[in-house]
């Protein structure tokens, strides 16, 4: 489950302030997206209506990938 009683540990972490205080909070709807750094920290969160190929998503992914170079 992504929220409520029986929430999977992954979603508990993704929505917690431990992962990122700025991206914490309940999942609002299906297709909510999280970008996780190589260090396991949530660096971005995108609303369900944001498409995976939108400019903001691509830029965030490219920014994280560039950190490893």
PDB file of N, CA and C in Angstrom:
ATOM      1  N   UNK A   1       0.836  -1.181   0.000  1.00  0.00           N
ATOM      2  CA  UNK A   1       0.000   0.000   0.000  1.00  0.00           C
ATOM      3  C   UNK A   1       0.884   1.249   0.000  1.00  0.00           C
ATOM      4  N   UNK A   2       0.401   2.274  -0.623  1.00  0.00           N
ATOM      5  CA  UNK A   2       1.179   3.507  -0.692  1.00  0.00           C
ATOM      6  C   UNK A   2       0.844   4.487   0.421  1.00  0.00           C
ATOM      7  N   UNK A   3      -0.260   4.269   1.113  1.00  0.00           N
ATOM      8  CA  UNK A   3      -0.592   5.133   2.239  1.00  0.00           C
ATOM      9  C   UNK A   3      -1.533   4.413   3.191  1.00  0.00           C
ATOM     10  N   UNK A   4      -1.636   4.947   4.389  1.00  0.00           N
ATOM     11  CA  UNK A   4      -2.533   4.372   5.376  1.00  0.00           C
ATOM     12  C   UNK A   4      -1.916   3.209   6.121  1.00  0.00           C
ATOM     13  N   UNK A   5      -2.770   2.501   6.854  1.00  0.00           N
ATOM     14  CA  UNK A   5      -2.314   1.350   7.630  1.00  0.00           C
ATOM     15  C   UNK A   5      -1.808   0.277   6.679  1.00  0.00           C
ATOM     16  N   UNK A   6      -0.653  -0.268   6.955  1.00  0.00           N
ATOM     17  CA  UNK A   6      -0.055  -1.264   6.079  1.00  0.00           C
ATOM     18  C   UNK A   6       0.765  -0.651   4.956  1.00  0.00           C
ATOM     19  N   UNK A   7       1.110   0.638   5.086  1.00  0.00           N
ATOM     20  CA  UNK A   7       1.912   1.313   4.069  1.00  0.00           C
ATOM     21  C   UNK A   7       3.263   0.605   3.926  1.00  0.00           C
ATOM     22  N   UNK A   8       3.652   0.360   2.702  1.00  0.00           N
ATOM     23  CA  UNK A   8       4.927  -0.313   2.427  1.00  0.00           C
ATOM     24  C   UNK A   8       6.085   0.542   2.930  1.00  0.00           C
ATOM     25  N   UNK A   9       7.149  -0.094   3.429  1.00  0.00           N
ATOM     26  CA  UNK A   9       8.297   0.647   3.942  1.00  0.00           C
ATOM     27  C   UNK A   9       8.881   1.646   2.937  1.00  0.00           C
ATOM     28  N   UNK A  10       8.898   1.305   1.665  1.00  0.00           N
ATOM     29  CA  UNK A  10       9.415   2.225   0.657  1.00  0.00           C
ATOM     30  C   UNK A  10       8.642   3.541   0.690  1.00  0.00           C
ATOM     31  N   UNK A  11       7.322   3.458   0.717  1.00  0.00           N
ATOM     32  CA  UNK A  11       6.505   4.670   0.711  1.00  0.00           C
ATOM     33  C   UNK A  11       6.562   5.394   2.053  1.00  0.00           C
ATOM     34  N   UNK A  12       6.767   4.657   3.123  1.00  0.00           N
ATOM     35  CA  UNK A  12       6.970   5.306   4.420  1.00  0.00           C
ATOM     36  C   UNK A  12       8.203   6.201   4.342  1.00  0.00           C
ATOM     37  N   UNK A  13       9.264   5.686   3.749  1.00  0.00           N
ATOM     38  CA  UNK A  13      10.499   6.451   3.625  1.00  0.00           C
ATOM     39  C   UNK A  13      10.339   7.627   2.658  1.00  0.00           C
ATOM     40  N   UNK A  14       9.803   7.360   1.466  1.00  0.00           N
ATOM     41  CA  UNK A  14       9.683   8.402   0.450  1.00  0.00           C
ATOM     42  C   UNK A  14       8.880   9.603   0.934  1.00  0.00           C
ATOM     43  N   UNK A  15       7.898   9.377   1.765  1.00  0.00           N
ATOM     44  CA  UNK A  15       7.021  10.453   2.221  1.00  0.00           C
ATOM     45  C   UNK A  15       7.416  11.007   3.583  1.00  0.00           C
ATOM     46  N   UNK A  16       8.517  10.530   4.138  1.00  0.00           N
ATOM     47  CA  UNK A  16       8.935  10.964   5.477  1.00  0.00           C
ATOM     48  C   UNK A  16       9.838  12.186   5.422  1.00  0.00           C
ATOM     49  N   UNK A  17       9.944  12.864   6.533  1.00  0.00           N
ATOM     50  CA  UNK A  17      10.867  13.997   6.624  1.00  0.00           C
ATOM     51  C   UNK A  17      12.309  13.507   6.665  1.00  0.00           C
ATOM     52  N   UNK A  18      12.536  12.228   6.971  1.00  0.00           N
ATOM     53  CA  UNK A  18      13.892  11.672   6.944  1.00  0.00           C
ATOM     54  C   UNK A  18      14.451  11.668   5.523  1.00  0.00           C
ATOM     55  N   UNK A  19      13.600  11.418   4.555  1.00  0.00           N
ATOM     56  CA  UNK A  19      14.031  11.383   3.156  1.00  0.00           C
ATOM     57  C   UNK A  19      14.311  12.796   2.646  1.00  0.00           C
ATOM     58  N   UNK A  20      13.408  13.720   2.959  1.00  0.00           N
ATOM     59  CA  UNK A  20      13.569  15.126   2.558  1.00  0.00           C
ATOM     60  C   UNK A  20      12.394  15.903   3.129  1.00  0.00           C
ATOM     61  N   UNK A  21      12.684  16.839   3.972  1.00  0.00           N
ATOM     62  CA  UNK A  21      11.626  17.629   4.613  1.00  0.00           C
ATOM     63  C   UNK A  21      10.781  18.364   3.575  1.00  0.00           C
ATOM     64  N   UNK A  22      11.376  18.769   2.479  1.00  0.00           N
ATOM     65  CA  UNK A  22      10.658  19.522   1.443  1.00  0.00           C
ATOM     66  C   UNK A  22       9.736  18.661   0.588  1.00  0.00           C
ATOM     67  N   UNK A  23       9.951  17.350   0.567  1.00  0.00           N
ATOM     68  CA  UNK A  23       9.118  16.478  -0.270  1.00  0.00           C
ATOM     69  C   UNK A  23       8.249  15.544   0.564  1.00  0.00           C
ATOM     70  N   UNK A  24       8.265  15.710   1.873  1.00  0.00           N
ATOM     71  CA  UNK A  24       7.496  14.838   2.765  1.00  0.00           C
ATOM     72  C   UNK A  24       5.997  15.095   2.616  1.00  0.00           C
ATOM     73  N   UNK A  25       5.224  14.102   2.996  1.00  0.00           N
ATOM     74  CA  UNK A  25       3.768  14.233   2.994  1.00  0.00           C
ATOM     75  C   UNK A  25       3.114  13.068   2.285  1.00  0.00           C
ATOM     76  N   UNK A  26       1.848  12.893   2.571  1.00  0.00           N
ATOM     77  CA  UNK A  26       1.096  11.784   1.989  1.00  0.00           C
ATOM     78  C   UNK A  26       1.080  11.831   0.470  1.00  0.00           C
ATOM     79  N   UNK A  27       1.019  10.665  -0.121  1.00  0.00           N
ATOM     80  CA  UNK A  27       0.840  10.548  -1.555  1.00  0.00           C
ATOM     81  C   UNK A  27      -0.592  10.960  -1.865  1.00  0.00           C
ATOM     82  N   UNK A  28      -0.754  11.811  -2.867  1.00  0.00           N
ATOM     83  CA  UNK A  28      -2.075  12.356  -3.157  1.00  0.00           C
ATOM     84  C   UNK A  28      -2.880  11.523  -4.142  1.00  0.00           C
ATOM     85  N   UNK A  29      -2.195  10.830  -5.039  1.00  0.00           N
ATOM     86  CA  UNK A  29      -2.907  10.073  -6.075  1.00  0.00           C
ATOM     87  C   UNK A  29      -1.920   9.167  -6.793  1.00  0.00           C
ATOM     88  N   UNK A  30      -2.434   8.247  -7.580  1.00  0.00           N
ATOM     89  CA  UNK A  30      -1.579   7.369  -8.378  1.00  0.00           C
ATOM     90  C   UNK A  30      -0.636   8.190  -9.257  1.00  0.00           C
ATOM     91  N   UNK A  31       0.463   7.627  -9.589  1.00  0.00           N
ATOM     92  CA  UNK A  31       1.452   8.199 -10.503  1.00  0.00           C
ATOM     93  C   UNK A  31       2.241   9.366  -9.909  1.00  0.00           C
ATOM     94  N   UNK A  32       2.229   9.510  -8.587  1.00  0.00           N
ATOM     95  CA  UNK A  32       3.125  10.476  -7.951  1.00  0.00           C
ATOM     96  C   UNK A  32       4.543   9.949  -8.158  1.00  0.00           C
ATOM     97  N   UNK A  33       5.467  10.835  -8.479  1.00  0.00           N
ATOM     98  CA  UNK A  33       6.821  10.417  -8.833  1.00  0.00           C
ATOM     99  C   UNK A  33       7.844  10.996  -7.870  1.00  0.00           C
ATOM    100  N   UNK A  34       8.856  10.190  -7.554  1.00  0.00           N
ATOM    101  CA  UNK A  34       9.944  10.604  -6.671  1.00  0.00           C
ATOM    102  C   UNK A  34      11.255  10.392  -7.395  1.00  0.00           C
ATOM    103  N   UNK A  35      12.165  11.358  -7.259  1.00  0.00           N
ATOM    104  CA  UNK A  35      13.513  11.216  -7.792  1.00  0.00           C
ATOM    105  C   UNK A  35      14.435  11.040  -6.602  1.00  0.00           C
ATOM    106  N   UNK A  36      15.184   9.948  -6.613  1.00  0.00           N
ATOM    107  CA  UNK A  36      16.055   9.586  -5.492  1.00  0.00           C
ATOM    108  C   UNK A  36      17.505   9.662  -5.952  1.00  0.00           C
ATOM    109  N   UNK A  37      18.329  10.309  -5.139  1.00  0.00           N
ATOM    110  CA  UNK A  37      19.747  10.452  -5.468  1.00  0.00           C
ATOM    111  C   UNK A  37      20.485   9.126  -5.302  1.00  0.00           C
ATOM    112  N   UNK A  38      21.726   9.082  -5.751  1.00  0.00           N
ATOM    113  CA  UNK A  38      22.559   7.891  -5.574  1.00  0.00           C
ATOM    114  C   UNK A  38      22.780   7.587  -4.101  1.00  0.00           C
ATOM    115  N   UNK A  39      22.656   8.620  -3.271  1.00  0.00           N
ATOM    116  CA  UNK A  39      22.828   8.452  -1.820  1.00  0.00           C
ATOM    117  C   UNK A  39      21.541   8.005  -1.129  1.00  0.00           C
ATOM    118  N   UNK A  40      20.458   7.880  -1.877  1.00  0.00           N
ATOM    119  CA  UNK A  40      19.198   7.416  -1.317  1.00  0.00           C
ATOM    120  C   UNK A  40      18.320   8.504  -0.738  1.00  0.00           C
ATOM    121  N   UNK A  41      18.625   9.749  -1.039  1.00  0.00           N
ATOM    122  CA  UNK A  41      17.810  10.867  -0.561  1.00  0.00           C
ATOM    123  C   UNK A  41      16.825  11.280  -1.649  1.00  0.00           C
ATOM    124  N   UNK A  42      15.623  11.612  -1.238  1.00  0.00           N
ATOM    125  CA  UNK A  42      14.637  12.115  -2.193  1.00  0.00           C
ATOM    126  C   UNK A  42      15.035  13.538  -2.558  1.00  0.00           C
ATOM    127  N   UNK A  43      15.285  13.782  -3.833  1.00  0.00           N
ATOM    128  CA  UNK A  43      15.713  15.107  -4.281  1.00  0.00           C
ATOM    129  C   UNK A  43      14.604  15.863  -4.997  1.00  0.00           C
ATOM    130  N   UNK A  44      13.576  15.154  -5.433  1.00  0.00           N
ATOM    131  CA  UNK A  44      12.458  15.818  -6.097  1.00  0.00           C
ATOM    132  C   UNK A  44      11.224  14.933  -6.007  1.00  0.00           C
ATOM    133  N   UNK A  45      10.098  15.609  -6.066  1.00  0.00           N
ATOM    134  CA  UNK A  45       8.814  14.919  -6.043  1.00  0.00           C
ATOM    135  C   UNK A  45       7.909  15.628  -7.033  1.00  0.00           C
ATOM    136  N   UNK A  46       7.227  14.849  -7.840  1.00  0.00           N
ATOM    137  CA  UNK A  46       6.389  15.400  -8.891  1.00  0.00           C
ATOM    138  C   UNK A  46       4.955  14.920  -8.726  1.00  0.00           C
ATOM    139  N   UNK A  47       4.032  15.822  -8.907  1.00  0.00           N
ATOM    140  CA  UNK A  47       2.601  15.535  -8.770  1.00  0.00           C
ATOM    141  C   UNK A  47       2.154  14.520  -9.825  1.00  0.00           C
ATOM    142  N   UNK A  48       1.044  13.832  -9.557  1.00  0.00           N
ATOM    143  CA  UNK A  48       0.563  12.803 -10.477  1.00  0.00           C
ATOM    144  C   UNK A  48       0.330  13.280 -11.910  1.00  0.00           C
ATOM    145  N   UNK A  49      -0.118  14.510 -12.087  1.00  0.00           N
ATOM    146  CA  UNK A  49      -0.417  14.987 -13.442  1.00  0.00           C
ATOM    147  C   UNK A  49       0.827  15.395 -14.228  1.00  0.00           C
ATOM    148  N   UNK A  50       1.975  15.470 -13.564  1.00  0.00           N
ATOM    149  CA  UNK A  50       3.224  15.777 -14.261  1.00  0.00           C
ATOM    150  C   UNK A  50       3.662  14.519 -15.006  1.00  0.00           C
ATOM    151  N   UNK A  51       3.878  14.665 -16.300  1.00  0.00           N
ATOM    152  CA  UNK A  51       4.271  13.517 -17.113  1.00  0.00           C
ATOM    153  C   UNK A  51       5.772  13.272 -16.973  1.00  0.00           C
ATOM    154  N   UNK A  52       6.192  12.010 -17.036  1.00  0.00           N
ATOM    155  CA  UNK A  52       7.610  11.679 -16.870  1.00  0.00           C
ATOM    156  C   UNK A  52       8.534  12.337 -17.886  1.00  0.00           C
ATOM    157  N   UNK A  53       8.014  12.728 -19.034  1.00  0.00           N
ATOM    158  CA  UNK A  53       8.867  13.341 -20.049  1.00  0.00           C
ATOM    159  C   UNK A  53       8.778  14.867 -20.083  1.00  0.00           C
ATOM    160  N   UNK A  54       8.180  15.461 -19.050  1.00  0.00           N
ATOM    161  CA  UNK A  54       8.113  16.922 -18.982  1.00  0.00           C
ATOM    162  C   UNK A  54       9.488  17.507 -18.672  1.00  0.00           C
ATOM    163  N   UNK A  55       9.672  18.742 -19.111  1.00  0.00           N
ATOM    164  CA  UNK A  55      10.954  19.428 -18.991  1.00  0.00           C
ATOM    165  C   UNK A  55      11.492  19.413 -17.567  1.00  0.00           C
ATOM    166  N   UNK A  56      10.663  19.725 -16.575  1.00  0.00           N
ATOM    167  CA  UNK A  56      11.116  19.784 -15.179  1.00  0.00           C
ATOM    168  C   UNK A  56      11.639  18.437 -14.690  1.00  0.00           C
ATOM    169  N   UNK A  57      10.985  17.369 -15.083  1.00  0.00           N
ATOM    170  CA  UNK A  57      11.397  16.026 -14.669  1.00  0.00           C
ATOM    171  C   UNK A  57      12.741  15.689 -15.317  1.00  0.00           C
ATOM    172  N   UNK A  58      12.841  15.909 -16.598  1.00  0.00           N
ATOM    173  CA  UNK A  58      14.071  15.594 -17.321  1.00  0.00           C
ATOM    174  C   UNK A  58      15.242  16.410 -16.780  1.00  0.00           C
ATOM    175  N   UNK A  59      15.016  17.695 -16.535  1.00  0.00           N
ATOM    176  CA  UNK A  59      16.082  18.539 -15.996  1.00  0.00           C
ATOM    177  C   UNK A  59      16.540  18.067 -14.617  1.00  0.00           C
ATOM    178  N   UNK A  60      15.598  17.652 -13.773  1.00  0.00           N
ATOM    179  CA  UNK A  60      15.957  17.168 -12.441  1.00  0.00           C
ATOM    180  C   UNK A  60      16.778  15.882 -12.530  1.00  0.00           C
ATOM    181  N   UNK A  61      16.396  14.996 -13.423  1.00  0.00           N
ATOM    182  CA  UNK A  61      17.132  13.744 -13.611  1.00  0.00           C
ATOM    183  C   UNK A  61      18.541  14.041 -14.138  1.00  0.00           C
ATOM    184  N   UNK A  62      18.629  14.888 -15.146  1.00  0.00           N
ATOM    185  CA  UNK A  62      19.947  15.233 -15.706  1.00  0.00           C
ATOM    186  C   UNK A  62      20.842  15.901 -14.671  1.00  0.00           C
ATOM    187  N   UNK A  63      20.277  16.737 -13.842  1.00  0.00           N
ATOM    188  CA  UNK A  63      21.048  17.400 -12.779  1.00  0.00           C
ATOM    189  C   UNK A  63      21.633  16.366 -11.822  1.00  0.00           C
ATOM    190  N   UNK A  64      20.826  15.391 -11.441  1.00  0.00           N
ATOM    191  CA  UNK A  64      21.321  14.354 -10.516  1.00  0.00           C
ATOM    192  C   UNK A  64      22.373  13.486 -11.181  1.00  0.00           C
ATOM    193  N   UNK A  65      22.168  13.141 -12.429  1.00  0.00           N
ATOM    194  CA  UNK A  65      23.153  12.316 -13.137  1.00  0.00           C
ATOM    195  C   UNK A  65      24.485  13.042 -13.285  1.00  0.00           C
ATOM    196  N   UNK A  66      24.433  14.343 -13.484  1.00  0.00           N
ATOM    197  CA  UNK A  66      25.663  15.135 -13.651  1.00  0.00           C
ATOM    198  C   UNK A  66      26.488  15.175 -12.367  1.00  0.00           C
ATOM    199  N   UNK A  67      25.859  15.004 -11.236  1.00  0.00           N
ATOM    200  CA  UNK A  67      26.588  15.028  -9.958  1.00  0.00           C
ATOM    201  C   UNK A  67      27.563  13.867  -9.846  1.00  0.00           C
ATOM    202  N   UNK A  68      27.309  12.799 -10.551  1.00  0.00           N
ATOM    203  CA  UNK A  68      28.160  11.619 -10.462  1.00  0.00           C
ATOM    204  C   UNK A  68      29.362  11.677 -11.371  1.00  0.00           C
ATOM    205  N   UNK A  69      29.475  12.730 -12.143  1.00  0.00           N
ATOM    206  CA  UNK A  69      30.597  12.813 -13.103  1.00  0.00           C
ATOM    207  C   UNK A  69      31.760  13.556 -12.539  1.00  0.00           C
TER     208      UNK A  69
END
